[in-house]
PDB file of all heavy atoms in Angstrom:
ATOM      1  N   SER A   1      -4.830   6.581  22.285  1.00  0.00           N
ATOM      2  CA  SER A   1      -5.722   6.540  21.117  1.00  0.00           C
ATOM      3  C   SER A   1      -4.929   6.073  19.910  1.00  0.00           C
ATOM      4  O   SER A   1      -3.756   6.413  19.764  1.00  0.00           O
ATOM      5  CB  SER A   1      -6.282   7.930  20.804  1.00  0.00           C
ATOM      6  OG  SER A   1      -6.901   8.511  21.911  1.00  0.00           O
ATOM      7  N   GLU A   2      -5.580   5.312  19.046  1.00  0.00           N
ATOM      8  CA  GLU A   2      -4.961   4.959  17.763  1.00  0.00           C
ATOM      9  C   GLU A   2      -5.329   6.075  16.788  1.00  0.00           C
ATOM     10  O   GLU A   2      -6.509   6.376  16.593  1.00  0.00           O
ATOM     11  CB  GLU A   2      -5.495   3.624  17.269  1.00  0.00           C
ATOM     12  CG  GLU A   2      -5.060   2.455  18.130  1.00  0.00           C
ATOM     13  CD  GLU A   2      -5.584   1.122  17.643  1.00  0.00           C
ATOM     14  OE1 GLU A   2      -6.222   1.070  16.564  1.00  0.00           O
ATOM     15  OE2 GLU A   2      -5.369   0.128  18.344  1.00  0.00           O
ATOM     16  N   VAL A   3      -4.321   6.693  16.203  1.00  0.00           N
ATOM     17  CA  VAL A   3      -4.543   7.804  15.283  1.00  0.00           C
ATOM     18  C   VAL A   3      -3.762   7.567  14.000  1.00  0.00           C
ATOM     19  O   VAL A   3      -2.962   6.642  13.906  1.00  0.00           O
ATOM     20  CB  VAL A   3      -4.116   9.154  15.924  1.00  0.00           C
ATOM     21  CG1 VAL A   3      -4.975   9.470  17.144  1.00  0.00           C
ATOM     22  CG2 VAL A   3      -2.645   9.144  16.299  1.00  0.00           C
ATOM     23  N   LYS A   4      -3.999   8.404  13.011  1.00  0.00           N
ATOM     24  CA  LYS A   4      -3.241   8.365  11.756  1.00  0.00           C
ATOM     25  C   LYS A   4      -2.791   9.767  11.436  1.00  0.00           C
ATOM     26  O   LYS A   4      -3.487  10.731  11.703  1.00  0.00           O
ATOM     27  CB  LYS A   4      -4.099   7.826  10.614  1.00  0.00           C
ATOM     28  CG  LYS A   4      -4.459   6.372  10.758  1.00  0.00           C
ATOM     29  CD  LYS A   4      -5.241   5.902   9.583  1.00  0.00           C
ATOM     30  CE  LYS A   4      -5.592   4.439   9.748  1.00  0.00           C
ATOM     31  NZ  LYS A   4      -6.130   3.887   8.520  1.00  0.00           N
ATOM     32  N   GLY A   5      -1.617   9.879  10.857  1.00  0.00           N
ATOM     33  CA  GLY A   5      -1.119  11.197  10.486  1.00  0.00           C
ATOM     34  C   GLY A   5       0.223  11.085   9.789  1.00  0.00           C
ATOM     35  O   GLY A   5       0.716   9.998   9.526  1.00  0.00           O
ATOM     36  N   PHE A   6       0.808  12.238   9.508  1.00  0.00           N
ATOM     37  CA  PHE A   6       2.141  12.258   8.922  1.00  0.00           C
ATOM     38  C   PHE A   6       2.804  13.579   9.248  1.00  0.00           C
ATOM     39  O   PHE A   6       2.145  14.572   9.521  1.00  0.00           O
ATOM     40  CB  PHE A   6       2.125  12.020   7.416  1.00  0.00           C
ATOM     41  CG  PHE A   6       1.468  13.119   6.623  1.00  0.00           C
ATOM     42  CD1 PHE A   6       2.200  14.201   6.161  1.00  0.00           C
ATOM     43  CD2 PHE A   6       0.114  13.064   6.344  1.00  0.00           C
ATOM     44  CE1 PHE A   6       1.596  15.207   5.427  1.00  0.00           C
ATOM     45  CE2 PHE A   6      -0.498  14.061   5.607  1.00  0.00           C
ATOM     46  CZ  PHE A   6       0.241  15.149   5.152  1.00  0.00           C
ATOM     47  N   GLY A   7       4.099  13.574   9.263  1.00  0.00           N
ATOM     48  CA  GLY A   7       4.901  14.782   9.453  1.00  0.00           C
ATOM     49  C   GLY A   7       5.836  14.900   8.279  1.00  0.00           C
ATOM     50  O   GLY A   7       5.414  14.807   7.130  1.00  0.00           O
ATOM     51  N   ARG A   8       7.108  15.031   8.571  1.00  0.00           N
ATOM     52  CA  ARG A   8       8.108  15.099   7.508  1.00  0.00           C
ATOM     53  C   ARG A   8       8.169  13.814   6.716  1.00  0.00           C
ATOM     54  O   ARG A   8       8.626  13.786   5.584  1.00  0.00           O
ATOM     55  CB  ARG A   8       9.480  15.391   8.105  1.00  0.00           C
ATOM     56  CG  ARG A   8       9.585  16.768   8.662  1.00  0.00           C
ATOM     57  CD  ARG A   8      10.990  17.032   9.145  1.00  0.00           C
ATOM     58  NE  ARG A   8      11.059  18.361   9.739  1.00  0.00           N
ATOM     59  CZ  ARG A   8      12.007  18.750  10.538  1.00  0.00           C
ATOM     60  NH1 ARG A   8      12.995  17.931  10.836  1.00  0.00           N
ATOM     61  NH2 ARG A   8      11.997  19.961  11.031  1.00  0.00           N
ATOM     62  N   GLN A   9       7.710  12.753   7.322  1.00  0.00           N
ATOM     63  CA  GLN A   9       7.732  11.433   6.701  1.00  0.00           C
ATOM     64  C   GLN A   9       6.917  11.416   5.396  1.00  0.00           C
ATOM     65  O   GLN A   9       7.248  10.704   4.463  1.00  0.00           O
ATOM     66  CB  GLN A   9       7.124  10.451   7.697  1.00  0.00           C
ATOM     67  CG  GLN A   9       7.520   9.033   7.525  1.00  0.00           C
ATOM     68  CD  GLN A   9       6.998   8.189   8.682  1.00  0.00           C
ATOM     69  OE1 GLN A   9       6.446   8.696   9.659  1.00  0.00           O
ATOM     70  NE2 GLN A   9       7.169   6.904   8.586  1.00  0.00           N
ATOM     71  N   LYS A  10       5.846  12.163   5.357  1.00  0.00           N
ATOM     72  CA  LYS A  10       4.979  12.301   4.170  1.00  0.00           C
ATOM     73  C   LYS A  10       4.422  10.980   3.651  1.00  0.00           C
ATOM     74  O   LYS A  10       4.189  10.819   2.472  1.00  0.00           O
ATOM     75  CB  LYS A  10       5.734  12.997   3.038  1.00  0.00           C
ATOM     76  CG  LYS A  10       6.244  14.377   3.375  1.00  0.00           C
ATOM     77  CD  LYS A  10       5.149  15.403   3.268  1.00  0.00           C
ATOM     78  CE  LYS A  10       5.681  16.807   3.251  1.00  0.00           C
ATOM     79  NZ  LYS A  10       5.985  17.368   4.554  1.00  0.00           N
ATOM     80  N   GLY A  11       4.228  10.017   4.519  1.00  0.00           N
ATOM     81  CA  GLY A  11       3.645   8.749   4.093  1.00  0.00           C
ATOM     82  C   GLY A  11       4.658   7.900   3.344  1.00  0.00           C
ATOM     83  O   GLY A  11       5.850   8.174   3.347  1.00  0.00           O
ATOM     84  N   HIS A  12       4.164   6.852   2.679  1.00  0.00           N
ATOM     85  CA  HIS A  12       5.047   5.986   1.907  1.00  0.00           C
ATOM     86  C   HIS A  12       4.243   5.257   0.838  1.00  0.00           C
ATOM     87  O   HIS A  12       3.018   5.301   0.833  1.00  0.00           O
ATOM     88  CB  HIS A  12       5.752   4.982   2.830  1.00  0.00           C
ATOM     89  CG  HIS A  12       4.819   4.051   3.531  1.00  0.00           C
ATOM     90  ND1 HIS A  12       4.179   4.393   4.704  1.00  0.00           N
ATOM     91  CD2 HIS A  12       4.406   2.799   3.227  1.00  0.00           C
ATOM     92  CE1 HIS A  12       3.414   3.377   5.091  1.00  0.00           C
ATOM     93  NE2 HIS A  12       3.521   2.413   4.218  1.00  0.00           N
ATOM     94  N   THR A  13       4.927   4.594  -0.094  1.00  0.00           N
ATOM     95  CA  THR A  13       4.240   3.837  -1.142  1.00  0.00           C
ATOM     96  C   THR A  13       4.275   2.354  -0.795  1.00  0.00           C
ATOM     97  O   THR A  13       5.216   1.857  -0.187  1.00  0.00           O
ATOM     98  CB  THR A  13       4.915   4.061  -2.521  1.00  0.00           C
ATOM     99  OG1 THR A  13       6.277   3.665  -2.426  1.00  0.00           O
ATOM    100  CG2 THR A  13       4.818   5.502  -2.953  1.00  0.00           C
ATOM    101  N   GLU A  14       3.204   1.671  -1.172  1.00  0.00           N
ATOM    102  CA  GLU A  14       3.105   0.235  -0.949  1.00  0.00           C
ATOM    103  C   GLU A  14       2.632  -0.431  -2.227  1.00  0.00           C
ATOM    104  O   GLU A  14       2.023   0.204  -3.088  1.00  0.00           O
ATOM    105  CB  GLU A  14       2.120  -0.077   0.181  1.00  0.00           C
ATOM    106  CG  GLU A  14       2.638   0.256   1.554  1.00  0.00           C
ATOM    107  CD  GLU A  14       1.739  -0.233   2.671  1.00  0.00           C
ATOM    108  OE1 GLU A  14       0.739  -0.936   2.382  1.00  0.00           O
ATOM    109  OE2 GLU A  14       2.038   0.072   3.828  1.00  0.00           O
ATOM    110  N   LEU A  15       2.903  -1.704  -2.333  1.00  0.00           N
ATOM    111  CA  LEU A  15       2.442  -2.485  -3.474  1.00  0.00           C
ATOM    112  C   LEU A  15       1.281  -3.362  -3.034  1.00  0.00           C
ATOM    113  O   LEU A  15       1.355  -4.021  -1.999  1.00  0.00           O
ATOM    114  CB  LEU A  15       3.573  -3.383  -3.983  1.00  0.00           C
ATOM    115  CG  LEU A  15       4.029  -3.049  -5.405  1.00  0.00           C
ATOM    116  CD1 LEU A  15       5.136  -2.038  -5.320  1.00  0.00           C
ATOM    117  CD2 LEU A  15       4.422  -4.287  -6.119  1.00  0.00           C
ATOM    118  N   TYR A  16       0.208  -3.365  -3.810  1.00  0.00           N
ATOM    119  CA  TYR A  16      -0.926  -4.228  -3.523  1.00  0.00           C
ATOM    120  C   TYR A  16      -1.389  -4.835  -4.837  1.00  0.00           C
ATOM    121  O   TYR A  16      -1.803  -4.118  -5.755  1.00  0.00           O
ATOM    122  CB  TYR A  16      -2.061  -3.440  -2.866  1.00  0.00           C
ATOM    123  CG  TYR A  16      -3.286  -4.268  -2.567  1.00  0.00           C
ATOM    124  CD1 TYR A  16      -3.263  -5.206  -1.540  1.00  0.00           C
ATOM    125  CD2 TYR A  16      -4.440  -4.139  -3.318  1.00  0.00           C
ATOM    126  CE1 TYR A  16      -4.369  -5.991  -1.264  1.00  0.00           C
ATOM    127  CE2 TYR A  16      -5.559  -4.903  -3.043  1.00  0.00           C
ATOM    128  CZ  TYR A  16      -5.521  -5.829  -2.020  1.00  0.00           C
ATOM    129  OH  TYR A  16      -6.618  -6.607  -1.750  1.00  0.00           O
ATOM    130  N   ARG A  17      -1.278  -6.152  -4.953  1.00  0.00           N
ATOM    131  CA  ARG A  17      -1.648  -6.875  -6.186  1.00  0.00           C
ATOM    132  C   ARG A  17      -0.989  -6.258  -7.420  1.00  0.00           C
ATOM    133  O   ARG A  17      -1.626  -6.051  -8.447  1.00  0.00           O
ATOM    134  CB  ARG A  17      -3.158  -6.921  -6.342  1.00  0.00           C
ATOM    135  CG  ARG A  17      -3.822  -7.738  -5.260  1.00  0.00           C
ATOM    136  CD  ARG A  17      -5.275  -7.926  -5.541  1.00  0.00           C
ATOM    137  NE  ARG A  17      -5.878  -8.740  -4.479  1.00  0.00           N
ATOM    138  CZ  ARG A  17      -7.132  -9.119  -4.497  1.00  0.00           C
ATOM    139  NH1 ARG A  17      -7.923  -8.772  -5.481  1.00  0.00           N
ATOM    140  NH2 ARG A  17      -7.596  -9.859  -3.517  1.00  0.00           N
ATOM    141  N   GLY A  18       0.247  -5.928  -7.266  1.00  0.00           N
ATOM    142  CA  GLY A  18       1.026  -5.407  -8.397  1.00  0.00           C
ATOM    143  C   GLY A  18       0.858  -3.925  -8.665  1.00  0.00           C
ATOM    144  O   GLY A  18       1.567  -3.356  -9.491  1.00  0.00           O
ATOM    145  N   ALA A  19      -0.080  -3.283  -7.985  1.00  0.00           N
ATOM    146  CA  ALA A  19      -0.300  -1.844  -8.189  1.00  0.00           C
ATOM    147  C   ALA A  19       0.342  -1.076  -7.031  1.00  0.00           C
ATOM    148  O   ALA A  19       0.218  -1.464  -5.872  1.00  0.00           O
ATOM    149  CB  ALA A  19      -1.787  -1.530  -8.270  1.00  0.00           C
ATOM    150  N   GLU A  20       1.004   0.011  -7.355  1.00  0.00           N
ATOM    151  CA  GLU A  20       1.632   0.840  -6.332  1.00  0.00           C
ATOM    152  C   GLU A  20       0.666   1.945  -5.927  1.00  0.00           C
ATOM    153  O   GLU A  20       0.018   2.554  -6.777  1.00  0.00           O
ATOM    154  CB  GLU A  20       2.909   1.448  -6.909  1.00  0.00           C
ATOM    155  CG  GLU A  20       3.834   2.036  -5.875  1.00  0.00           C
ATOM    156  CD  GLU A  20       5.145   2.488  -6.477  1.00  0.00           C
ATOM    157  OE1 GLU A  20       6.082   1.678  -6.561  1.00  0.00           O
ATOM    158  OE2 GLU A  20       5.203   3.668  -6.876  1.00  0.00           O
ATOM    159  N   TYR A  21       0.551   2.168  -4.642  1.00  0.00           N
ATOM    160  CA  TYR A  21      -0.293   3.263  -4.180  1.00  0.00           C
ATOM    161  C   TYR A  21       0.367   3.947  -2.998  1.00  0.00           C
ATOM    162  O   TYR A  21       1.195   3.372  -2.305  1.00  0.00           O
ATOM    163  CB  TYR A  21      -1.714   2.798  -3.850  1.00  0.00           C
ATOM    164  CG  TYR A  21      -1.817   1.858  -2.683  1.00  0.00           C
ATOM    165  CD1 TYR A  21      -2.178   2.328  -1.427  1.00  0.00           C
ATOM    166  CD2 TYR A  21      -1.552   0.495  -2.821  1.00  0.00           C
ATOM    167  CE1 TYR A  21      -2.270   1.485  -0.343  1.00  0.00           C
ATOM    168  CE2 TYR A  21      -1.651  -0.360  -1.742  1.00  0.00           C
ATOM    169  CZ  TYR A  21      -2.011   0.136  -0.517  1.00  0.00           C
ATOM    170  OH  TYR A  21      -2.094  -0.710   0.559  1.00  0.00           O
ATOM    171  N   VAL A  22      -0.036   5.208  -2.757  1.00  0.00           N
ATOM    172  CA  VAL A  22       0.568   6.010  -1.700  1.00  0.00           C
ATOM    173  C   VAL A  22      -0.274   5.934  -0.436  1.00  0.00           C
ATOM    174  O   VAL A  22      -1.495   6.093  -0.483  1.00  0.00           O
ATOM    175  CB  VAL A  22       0.698   7.490  -2.146  1.00  0.00           C
ATOM    176  CG1 VAL A  22       1.247   8.340  -1.011  1.00  0.00           C
ATOM    177  CG2 VAL A  22       1.591   7.589  -3.366  1.00  0.00           C
ATOM    178  N   VAL A  23       0.361   5.645   0.689  1.00  0.00           N
ATOM    179  CA  VAL A  23      -0.304   5.665   1.982  1.00  0.00           C
ATOM    180  C   VAL A  23       0.059   7.000   2.629  1.00  0.00           C
ATOM    181  O   VAL A  23       1.185   7.206   3.056  1.00  0.00           O
ATOM    182  CB  VAL A  23       0.174   4.486   2.875  1.00  0.00           C
ATOM    183  CG1 VAL A  23      -0.469   4.557   4.249  1.00  0.00           C
ATOM    184  CG2 VAL A  23      -0.113   3.161   2.198  1.00  0.00           C
ATOM    185  N   ASP A  24      -0.899   7.935   2.619  1.00  0.00           N
ATOM    186  CA  ASP A  24      -0.641   9.283   3.129  1.00  0.00           C
ATOM    187  C   ASP A  24      -0.577   9.330   4.646  1.00  0.00           C
ATOM    188  O   ASP A  24       0.241  10.048   5.206  1.00  0.00           O
ATOM    189  CB  ASP A  24      -1.732  10.258   2.667  1.00  0.00           C
ATOM    190  CG  ASP A  24      -1.628  10.541   1.178  1.00  0.00           C
ATOM    191  OD1 ASP A  24      -0.525  10.437   0.633  1.00  0.00           O
ATOM    192  OD2 ASP A  24      -2.665  10.873   0.581  1.00  0.00           O
ATOM    193  N   PHE A  25      -1.461   8.633   5.294  1.00  0.00           N
ATOM    194  CA  PHE A  25      -1.548   8.703   6.749  1.00  0.00           C
ATOM    195  C   PHE A  25      -0.995   7.435   7.364  1.00  0.00           C
ATOM    196  O   PHE A  25      -1.467   6.335   7.094  1.00  0.00           O
ATOM    197  CB  PHE A  25      -2.998   8.937   7.194  1.00  0.00           C
ATOM    198  CG  PHE A  25      -3.524  10.268   6.756  1.00  0.00           C
ATOM    199  CD1 PHE A  25      -4.355  10.378   5.662  1.00  0.00           C
ATOM    200  CD2 PHE A  25      -3.151  11.414   7.423  1.00  0.00           C
ATOM    201  CE1 PHE A  25      -4.835  11.610   5.262  1.00  0.00           C
ATOM    202  CE2 PHE A  25      -3.619  12.649   7.030  1.00  0.00           C
ATOM    203  CZ  PHE A  25      -4.461  12.752   5.946  1.00  0.00           C
TER     204      PHE A  25
END
């Protein structure tokens, strides 16, 4: 199954069109 989640990693930040946002899962 394709799933989404996080552990100790706690997601990461990405840049999209100059704006930074957090990817939680």
